[in-house]
Each structure stands twice: as C-alpha cells, then as structure tokens.
C-alpha cells in the first residue's frame, strides 16, 4: 500500500476518537462508545443479511438493515438535540430498534437464513448496545 492510498477499514468521515487524559468529554455523537459499537453492529448486520435468500431482499433483509441503521442514527440525532429530554427520547427509540433487530435475528434463525452460532457475536453485541443505551439514558435522567 502506498502512502496515497487510504487504509482499508479506516473511517474517512469519523476517525477513531482519541481518549483524553482525565474525565472524557463528549463533543460529538461519534465520541460515544455506544454509537461506535452501534456502527459495528450495522456492519455486521449487513454482512450477515448479505447471505440471506435473494427473495428476502425487500423483506426481512431490508427490515433488519433499517433497524440496525436506526440505532446509531437515533443516537446521533438525539445527541445533536438541544435538550436532555430530547436526547433521552432518541435513546429510547434506539433501544426499541435494538430490540426489533434482536427479534429479527431470532426470526432469521427460525427461518433457516442463518445459524445461531453464526450470529452469536452479533446477538451479544446487540445485548451490549441495549445495556449501554439503557445506562446512558438512565444517567442522563439522573443528571437532569
């Protein structure tokens, strides 16, 4: 690879955030670990659903991809809002999308589109994101 070529897997839009010494300050949604993990979840969802049957392209595949994309999108939109109450509302919507995606992965396994073992790390990531969203929402409510 030459120095003129961008590295594969390196985000052009959002470079990895640096961790400041002392108490970290969130300047942007992309600084939030939960947003970063949600982006990873989107990528994993796209990879897994890419192997689903072609006739599911406008069905479960599309629904799962939209639910996955909705998670970091709601985090970003909520963090950009002016009030804590608005941010909390968008985090709740992200939690709902995560639950929806979790359910859709159950359906995908039940329909034989993927195996439990194949999606185990993705389902674990969904659980982790849900816990992080809940924790962030509760912390914001407590601080308000």
N, C-alpha and C. Protein backbone atom coordinates (compact mmCIF):
# COMPACT_ATOMS: atom_id res chain seq x y z
N UNK A 1 0.86 -1.18 0.00
CA UNK A 1 0.00 0.00 0.00
C UNK A 1 0.89 1.23 0.00
N UNK A 2 0.55 2.17 -0.86
CA UNK A 2 1.32 3.41 -0.91
C UNK A 2 0.74 4.39 0.09
N UNK A 3 1.49 5.44 0.39
CA UNK A 3 1.02 6.43 1.36
C UNK A 3 -0.15 7.24 0.84
N UNK A 4 -0.41 7.20 -0.49
CA UNK A 4 -1.53 7.94 -1.08
C UNK A 4 -2.85 7.19 -0.96
N UNK A 5 -2.79 5.86 -0.71
CA UNK A 5 -4.00 5.04 -0.63
C UNK A 5 -4.55 5.06 0.78
N UNK A 6 -5.87 5.24 0.91
CA UNK A 6 -6.45 5.18 2.27
C UNK A 6 -6.40 3.74 2.79
N UNK A 7 -6.21 3.59 4.08
CA UNK A 7 -6.19 2.27 4.67
C UNK A 7 -7.58 1.67 4.60
N UNK A 8 -7.64 0.37 4.32
CA UNK A 8 -8.92 -0.32 4.32
C UNK A 8 -9.47 -0.32 5.74
N UNK A 9 -10.77 -0.20 5.86
CA UNK A 9 -11.47 -0.20 7.14
C UNK A 9 -11.24 1.06 7.97
N UNK A 10 -10.60 2.06 7.45
CA UNK A 10 -10.40 3.30 8.19
C UNK A 10 -11.52 4.26 7.80
N UNK A 11 -12.21 4.77 8.78
CA UNK A 11 -13.33 5.66 8.51
C UNK A 11 -12.82 7.01 8.03
N UNK A 12 -13.30 7.44 6.89
CA UNK A 12 -12.93 8.74 6.35
C UNK A 12 -13.72 9.84 7.05
N UNK A 13 -14.98 9.54 7.36
CA UNK A 13 -15.85 10.55 7.95
C UNK A 13 -15.55 10.76 9.43
N UNK A 14 -15.40 9.68 10.17
CA UNK A 14 -15.19 9.77 11.61
C UNK A 14 -13.94 9.00 12.00
N UNK A 15 -12.80 9.68 12.11
CA UNK A 15 -11.60 8.96 12.54
C UNK A 15 -11.79 8.49 13.98
N UNK A 16 -11.10 7.43 14.38
CA UNK A 16 -11.25 6.94 15.74
C UNK A 16 -10.93 8.06 16.74
N UNK A 17 -11.80 8.22 17.73
CA UNK A 17 -11.55 9.29 18.70
C UNK A 17 -10.35 8.99 19.57
N UNK A 18 -9.68 10.03 19.99
CA UNK A 18 -8.58 9.85 20.92
C UNK A 18 -9.15 9.91 22.32
N UNK A 19 -8.53 9.22 23.23
CA UNK A 19 -9.01 9.20 24.61
C UNK A 19 -8.21 10.21 25.41
N UNK A 20 -8.88 11.26 25.89
CA UNK A 20 -8.16 12.28 26.66
C UNK A 20 -7.81 11.76 28.05
N UNK A 21 -6.79 12.34 28.63
CA UNK A 21 -6.41 12.01 29.99
C UNK A 21 -7.36 12.75 30.93
N UNK A 22 -7.81 12.07 31.97
CA UNK A 22 -8.77 12.68 32.88
C UNK A 22 -10.17 12.30 32.47
N UNK A 23 -11.13 13.10 32.86
CA UNK A 23 -12.53 12.81 32.57
C UNK A 23 -12.82 13.10 31.09
N UNK A 24 -13.27 12.07 30.34
CA UNK A 24 -13.56 12.29 28.92
C UNK A 24 -14.78 13.19 28.75
N UNK A 25 -14.72 14.03 27.74
CA UNK A 25 -15.83 14.92 27.43
C UNK A 25 -16.36 14.53 26.06
N UNK A 26 -17.67 14.40 25.98
CA UNK A 26 -18.30 14.05 24.72
C UNK A 26 -18.53 15.32 23.93
N UNK A 27 -17.86 15.43 22.80
CA UNK A 27 -18.03 16.60 21.95
C UNK A 27 -18.95 16.31 20.78
N UNK A 28 -19.09 15.05 20.44
CA UNK A 28 -19.87 14.64 19.29
C UNK A 28 -20.42 13.24 19.56
N UNK A 29 -21.48 12.90 18.86
CA UNK A 29 -22.02 11.55 18.98
C UNK A 29 -20.98 10.50 18.62
N UNK A 30 -20.07 10.83 17.71
CA UNK A 30 -19.06 9.85 17.31
C UNK A 30 -18.04 9.57 18.41
N UNK A 31 -18.04 10.39 19.46
CA UNK A 31 -17.19 10.13 20.62
C UNK A 31 -17.81 9.11 21.57
N UNK A 32 -19.10 8.86 21.42
CA UNK A 32 -19.80 7.93 22.31
C UNK A 32 -19.49 6.48 21.93
N UNK A 33 -19.04 5.71 22.91
CA UNK A 33 -18.71 4.30 22.67
C UNK A 33 -19.93 3.53 22.18
N UNK A 34 -21.10 3.85 22.69
CA UNK A 34 -22.31 3.15 22.26
C UNK A 34 -22.59 3.42 20.78
N UNK A 35 -22.33 4.63 20.30
CA UNK A 35 -22.51 4.93 18.88
C UNK A 35 -21.52 4.12 18.05
N UNK A 36 -20.27 4.06 18.49
CA UNK A 36 -19.24 3.31 17.78
C UNK A 36 -19.59 1.82 17.69
N UNK A 37 -20.09 1.27 18.79
CA UNK A 37 -20.50 -0.14 18.79
C UNK A 37 -21.72 -0.35 17.90
N UNK A 38 -22.61 0.62 17.87
CA UNK A 38 -23.79 0.52 17.01
C UNK A 38 -23.39 0.54 15.54
N UNK A 39 -22.37 1.30 15.20
CA UNK A 39 -21.86 1.31 13.82
C UNK A 39 -21.31 -0.08 13.47
N UNK A 40 -20.59 -0.68 14.38
CA UNK A 40 -20.08 -2.05 14.17
C UNK A 40 -21.25 -3.01 13.99
N UNK A 41 -22.30 -2.83 14.76
CA UNK A 41 -23.49 -3.67 14.64
C UNK A 41 -24.12 -3.54 13.26
N UNK A 42 -24.17 -2.34 12.73
CA UNK A 42 -24.72 -2.13 11.38
C UNK A 42 -23.89 -2.93 10.36
N UNK A 43 -22.58 -2.81 10.46
CA UNK A 43 -21.71 -3.51 9.51
C UNK A 43 -21.90 -5.02 9.60
N UNK A 44 -22.00 -5.55 10.82
CA UNK A 44 -22.20 -6.99 11.00
C UNK A 44 -23.56 -7.42 10.44
N UNK A 45 -24.57 -6.60 10.66
CA UNK A 45 -25.91 -6.92 10.16
C UNK A 45 -25.90 -6.97 8.63
N UNK A 46 -25.25 -6.01 8.01
CA UNK A 46 -25.16 -6.00 6.54
C UNK A 46 -24.42 -7.25 6.05
N UNK A 47 -23.35 -7.63 6.72
CA UNK A 47 -22.60 -8.82 6.30
C UNK A 47 -23.45 -10.08 6.41
N UNK A 48 -24.14 -10.23 7.52
CA UNK A 48 -24.95 -11.43 7.73
C UNK A 48 -26.11 -11.48 6.75
N UNK A 49 -26.83 -10.38 6.61
CA UNK A 49 -28.00 -10.38 5.73
C UNK A 49 -27.62 -10.46 4.25
N UNK A 50 -26.38 -10.19 3.94
CA UNK A 50 -25.91 -10.35 2.56
C UNK A 50 -25.99 -11.79 2.08
N UNK A 51 -26.03 -12.73 3.03
CA UNK A 51 -26.11 -14.15 2.69
C UNK A 51 -27.55 -14.68 2.72
N UNK A 52 -28.51 -13.83 3.02
CA UNK A 52 -29.91 -14.26 3.05
C UNK A 52 -30.39 -14.52 1.63
N UNK A 53 -31.48 -15.28 1.48
CA UNK A 53 -32.01 -15.53 0.13
C UNK A 53 -32.35 -14.23 -0.60
N UNK A 54 -32.14 -14.24 -1.91
CA UNK A 54 -32.40 -13.04 -2.72
C UNK A 54 -33.85 -12.57 -2.61
N UNK A 55 -34.77 -13.51 -2.47
CA UNK A 55 -36.17 -13.12 -2.41
C UNK A 55 -36.53 -12.43 -1.08
N UNK A 56 -35.60 -12.40 -0.16
CA UNK A 56 -35.80 -11.67 1.11
C UNK A 56 -35.22 -10.26 1.05
N UNK A 57 -34.67 -9.89 -0.08
CA UNK A 57 -34.03 -8.58 -0.23
C UNK A 57 -34.95 -7.43 0.19
N UNK A 58 -36.24 -7.53 -0.14
CA UNK A 58 -37.18 -6.46 0.20
C UNK A 58 -38.03 -6.82 1.43
N UNK A 59 -37.72 -7.94 2.05
CA UNK A 59 -38.45 -8.38 3.23
C UNK A 59 -37.59 -8.23 4.48
N UNK A 60 -37.25 -9.36 5.06
CA UNK A 60 -36.52 -9.36 6.32
C UNK A 60 -35.15 -8.69 6.21
N UNK A 61 -34.45 -8.89 5.12
CA UNK A 61 -33.13 -8.26 4.93
C UNK A 61 -33.25 -6.75 5.05
N UNK A 62 -34.18 -6.17 4.33
CA UNK A 62 -34.37 -4.72 4.35
C UNK A 62 -34.79 -4.24 5.74
N UNK A 63 -35.70 -4.97 6.37
CA UNK A 63 -36.19 -4.59 7.70
C UNK A 63 -35.05 -4.62 8.73
N UNK A 64 -34.22 -5.64 8.67
CA UNK A 64 -33.11 -5.77 9.62
C UNK A 64 -32.08 -4.66 9.41
N UNK A 65 -31.80 -4.37 8.17
CA UNK A 65 -30.83 -3.32 7.88
C UNK A 65 -31.34 -1.96 8.35
N UNK A 66 -32.63 -1.70 8.13
CA UNK A 66 -33.21 -0.43 8.58
C UNK A 66 -33.18 -0.32 10.10
N UNK A 67 -33.51 -1.41 10.79
CA UNK A 67 -33.49 -1.40 12.26
C UNK A 67 -32.08 -1.16 12.77
N UNK A 68 -31.10 -1.82 12.16
CA UNK A 68 -29.70 -1.65 12.57
C UNK A 68 -29.23 -0.22 12.36
N UNK A 69 -29.51 0.34 11.19
CA UNK A 69 -29.10 1.71 10.86
C UNK A 69 -29.78 2.71 11.79
N UNK A 70 -30.98 2.40 12.20
CA UNK A 70 -31.74 3.29 13.07
C UNK A 70 -31.06 3.50 14.42
N UNK A 71 -30.32 2.53 14.89
CA UNK A 71 -29.72 2.63 16.23
C UNK A 71 -28.69 3.76 16.29
N UNK A 72 -27.61 3.73 15.51
CA UNK A 72 -26.66 4.84 15.59
C UNK A 72 -27.24 6.16 15.08
N UNK A 73 -28.20 6.07 14.16
CA UNK A 73 -28.83 7.29 13.65
C UNK A 73 -29.59 8.02 14.74
N UNK A 74 -30.32 7.28 15.56
CA UNK A 74 -31.07 7.89 16.66
C UNK A 74 -30.14 8.42 17.74
N UNK A 75 -29.05 7.73 17.99
CA UNK A 75 -28.06 8.23 18.96
C UNK A 75 -27.52 9.57 18.47
N UNK A 76 -27.15 9.62 17.20
CA UNK A 76 -26.58 10.84 16.63
C UNK A 76 -27.59 11.98 16.66
N UNK A 77 -28.81 11.71 16.22
CA UNK A 77 -29.81 12.77 16.19
C UNK A 77 -30.14 13.25 17.59
N UNK A 78 -30.25 12.34 18.52
CA UNK A 78 -30.55 12.72 19.90
C UNK A 78 -29.46 13.56 20.53
N UNK A 79 -28.21 13.18 20.30
CA UNK A 79 -27.09 13.93 20.88
C UNK A 79 -27.01 15.33 20.29
N UNK A 80 -27.48 15.49 19.07
CA UNK A 80 -27.45 16.79 18.41
C UNK A 80 -28.59 17.70 18.83
N UNK A 81 -29.56 17.15 19.54
CA UNK A 81 -30.70 17.96 20.00
C UNK A 81 -30.28 18.88 21.13
N UNK A 82 -31.13 19.85 21.40
CA UNK A 82 -30.78 20.90 22.37
C UNK A 82 -31.06 20.55 23.82
N UNK A 83 -31.96 19.60 24.07
CA UNK A 83 -32.30 19.30 25.46
C UNK A 83 -32.01 17.84 25.80
N UNK A 84 -31.80 17.61 27.08
CA UNK A 84 -31.57 16.26 27.57
C UNK A 84 -32.81 15.40 27.33
N UNK A 85 -33.99 15.98 27.53
CA UNK A 85 -35.23 15.22 27.33
C UNK A 85 -35.33 14.69 25.90
N UNK A 86 -34.93 15.52 24.94
CA UNK A 86 -34.95 15.07 23.54
C UNK A 86 -33.95 13.95 23.32
N UNK A 87 -32.76 14.10 23.89
CA UNK A 87 -31.74 13.06 23.75
C UNK A 87 -32.24 11.75 24.34
N UNK A 88 -32.86 11.82 25.51
CA UNK A 88 -33.40 10.62 26.16
C UNK A 88 -34.44 9.96 25.27
N UNK A 89 -35.30 10.75 24.65
CA UNK A 89 -36.32 10.20 23.76
C UNK A 89 -35.69 9.46 22.58
N UNK A 90 -34.66 10.02 21.98
CA UNK A 90 -34.00 9.36 20.85
C UNK A 90 -33.24 8.11 21.30
N UNK A 91 -32.69 8.13 22.51
CA UNK A 91 -32.05 6.92 23.03
C UNK A 91 -33.08 5.81 23.23
N UNK A 92 -34.27 6.19 23.68
CA UNK A 92 -35.35 5.21 23.83
C UNK A 92 -35.74 4.62 22.47
N UNK A 93 -35.76 5.45 21.45
CA UNK A 93 -36.06 4.95 20.10
C UNK A 93 -34.96 4.00 19.62
N UNK A 94 -33.71 4.33 19.94
CA UNK A 94 -32.60 3.45 19.57
C UNK A 94 -32.72 2.10 20.29
N UNK A 95 -33.13 2.15 21.56
CA UNK A 95 -33.35 0.90 22.32
C UNK A 95 -34.43 0.06 21.66
N UNK A 96 -35.50 0.71 21.21
CA UNK A 96 -36.57 0.00 20.53
C UNK A 96 -36.09 -0.64 19.24
N UNK A 97 -35.26 0.05 18.50
CA UNK A 97 -34.71 -0.50 17.25
C UNK A 97 -33.80 -1.68 17.55
N UNK A 98 -33.05 -1.62 18.64
CA UNK A 98 -32.17 -2.73 19.02
C UNK A 98 -33.00 -3.96 19.38
N UNK A 99 -34.10 -3.76 20.10
CA UNK A 99 -34.99 -4.87 20.44
C UNK A 99 -35.62 -5.46 19.17
N UNK A 100 -35.99 -4.59 18.26
CA UNK A 100 -36.55 -5.02 16.98
C UNK A 100 -35.53 -5.87 16.22
N UNK A 101 -34.29 -5.41 16.16
CA UNK A 101 -33.24 -6.15 15.45
C UNK A 101 -32.98 -7.50 16.12
N UNK A 102 -32.98 -7.53 17.43
CA UNK A 102 -32.80 -8.78 18.18
C UNK A 102 -33.88 -9.79 17.78
N UNK A 103 -35.12 -9.33 17.74
CA UNK A 103 -36.25 -10.18 17.35
C UNK A 103 -36.10 -10.67 15.92
N UNK A 104 -35.64 -9.80 15.05
CA UNK A 104 -35.48 -10.17 13.64
C UNK A 104 -34.37 -11.22 13.46
N UNK A 105 -33.34 -11.16 14.29
CA UNK A 105 -32.32 -12.21 14.23
C UNK A 105 -32.90 -13.56 14.69
N UNK A 106 -33.78 -13.54 15.69
CA UNK A 106 -34.46 -14.77 16.11
C UNK A 106 -35.24 -15.34 14.93
N UNK A 107 -35.99 -14.47 14.24
CA UNK A 107 -36.75 -14.90 13.07
C UNK A 107 -35.85 -15.46 11.98
N UNK A 108 -34.72 -14.80 11.75
CA UNK A 108 -33.79 -15.26 10.70
C UNK A 108 -33.28 -16.67 11.00
N UNK A 109 -33.01 -16.95 12.27
CA UNK A 109 -32.57 -18.29 12.66
C UNK A 109 -33.73 -19.28 12.47
N UNK A 110 -34.92 -18.90 12.95
CA UNK A 110 -36.09 -19.77 12.84
C UNK A 110 -36.44 -20.10 11.39
N UNK A 111 -36.19 -19.14 10.50
CA UNK A 111 -36.48 -19.35 9.08
C UNK A 111 -35.34 -20.06 8.34
N UNK A 112 -34.25 -20.30 9.05
CA UNK A 112 -33.13 -21.02 8.45
C UNK A 112 -32.21 -20.18 7.60
N UNK A 113 -32.27 -18.85 7.74
CA UNK A 113 -31.42 -17.97 6.95
C UNK A 113 -30.00 -17.87 7.50
N UNK A 114 -29.86 -18.18 8.77
CA UNK A 114 -28.53 -18.18 9.41
C UNK A 114 -28.61 -19.09 10.63
N UNK A 115 -27.44 -19.46 11.13
CA UNK A 115 -27.39 -20.33 12.30
C UNK A 115 -27.11 -19.53 13.57
N UNK A 116 -27.56 -20.06 14.70
CA UNK A 116 -27.31 -19.40 15.99
C UNK A 116 -25.83 -19.15 16.23
N UNK A 117 -25.02 -20.13 15.91
CA UNK A 117 -23.58 -19.99 16.12
C UNK A 117 -23.01 -18.88 15.25
N UNK A 118 -23.52 -18.78 14.02
CA UNK A 118 -23.04 -17.77 13.08
C UNK A 118 -23.31 -16.34 13.53
N UNK A 119 -24.37 -16.16 14.30
CA UNK A 119 -24.75 -14.80 14.70
C UNK A 119 -24.53 -14.53 16.19
N UNK A 120 -23.93 -15.48 16.88
CA UNK A 120 -23.78 -15.36 18.35
C UNK A 120 -23.09 -14.06 18.75
N UNK A 121 -22.00 -13.69 18.09
CA UNK A 121 -21.28 -12.47 18.47
C UNK A 121 -22.10 -11.22 18.15
N UNK A 122 -22.90 -11.29 17.10
CA UNK A 122 -23.74 -10.15 16.73
C UNK A 122 -24.88 -9.98 17.73
N UNK A 123 -25.49 -11.08 18.13
CA UNK A 123 -26.56 -11.03 19.14
C UNK A 123 -26.00 -10.53 20.47
N UNK A 124 -24.79 -10.93 20.80
CA UNK A 124 -24.15 -10.44 22.03
C UNK A 124 -23.89 -8.94 21.92
N UNK A 125 -23.50 -8.47 20.76
CA UNK A 125 -23.28 -7.04 20.55
C UNK A 125 -24.59 -6.26 20.68
N UNK A 126 -25.67 -6.82 20.18
CA UNK A 126 -26.99 -6.18 20.35
C UNK A 126 -27.29 -6.03 21.83
N UNK A 127 -27.06 -7.08 22.59
CA UNK A 127 -27.31 -7.04 24.04
C UNK A 127 -26.46 -5.98 24.71
N UNK A 128 -25.21 -5.91 24.33
CA UNK A 128 -24.29 -4.91 24.90
C UNK A 128 -24.75 -3.49 24.56
N UNK A 129 -25.13 -3.27 23.32
CA UNK A 129 -25.61 -1.95 22.89
C UNK A 129 -26.88 -1.58 23.66
N UNK A 130 -27.80 -2.53 23.83
CA UNK A 130 -29.03 -2.26 24.58
C UNK A 130 -28.71 -1.86 26.02
N UNK A 131 -27.79 -2.56 26.65
CA UNK A 131 -27.39 -2.22 28.03
C UNK A 131 -26.75 -0.84 28.10
N UNK A 132 -25.92 -0.53 27.12
CA UNK A 132 -25.25 0.78 27.09
C UNK A 132 -26.26 1.90 26.87
N UNK A 133 -27.21 1.68 25.98
CA UNK A 133 -28.25 2.68 25.74
C UNK A 133 -29.08 2.92 27.00
N UNK A 134 -29.44 1.84 27.66
CA UNK A 134 -30.21 1.94 28.89
C UNK A 134 -29.41 2.69 29.96
N UNK A 135 -28.14 2.36 30.09
CA UNK A 135 -27.29 3.04 31.08
C UNK A 135 -27.13 4.52 30.78
N UNK A 136 -26.93 4.86 29.52
CA UNK A 136 -26.77 6.26 29.14
C UNK A 136 -28.08 7.02 29.38
N UNK A 137 -29.19 6.41 29.00
CA UNK A 137 -30.49 7.05 29.21
C UNK A 137 -30.73 7.29 30.70
N UNK A 138 -30.46 6.29 31.52
CA UNK A 138 -30.66 6.42 32.97
C UNK A 138 -29.73 7.46 33.56
N UNK A 139 -28.49 7.53 33.10
CA UNK A 139 -27.54 8.53 33.61
C UNK A 139 -28.00 9.94 33.24
N UNK A 140 -28.50 10.10 32.04
CA UNK A 140 -28.99 11.42 31.62
C UNK A 140 -30.21 11.84 32.44
N UNK A 141 -31.10 10.91 32.70
CA UNK A 141 -32.29 11.20 33.51
C UNK A 141 -31.90 11.56 34.94
N UNK A 142 -30.93 10.86 35.47
CA UNK A 142 -30.47 11.11 36.83
C UNK A 142 -29.81 12.48 36.94
N UNK A 143 -29.05 12.87 35.93
CA UNK A 143 -28.33 14.15 35.94
C UNK A 143 -29.26 15.33 35.67
N UNK A 144 -30.42 15.04 35.06
CA UNK A 144 -31.34 16.14 34.69
C UNK A 144 -32.07 16.72 35.89
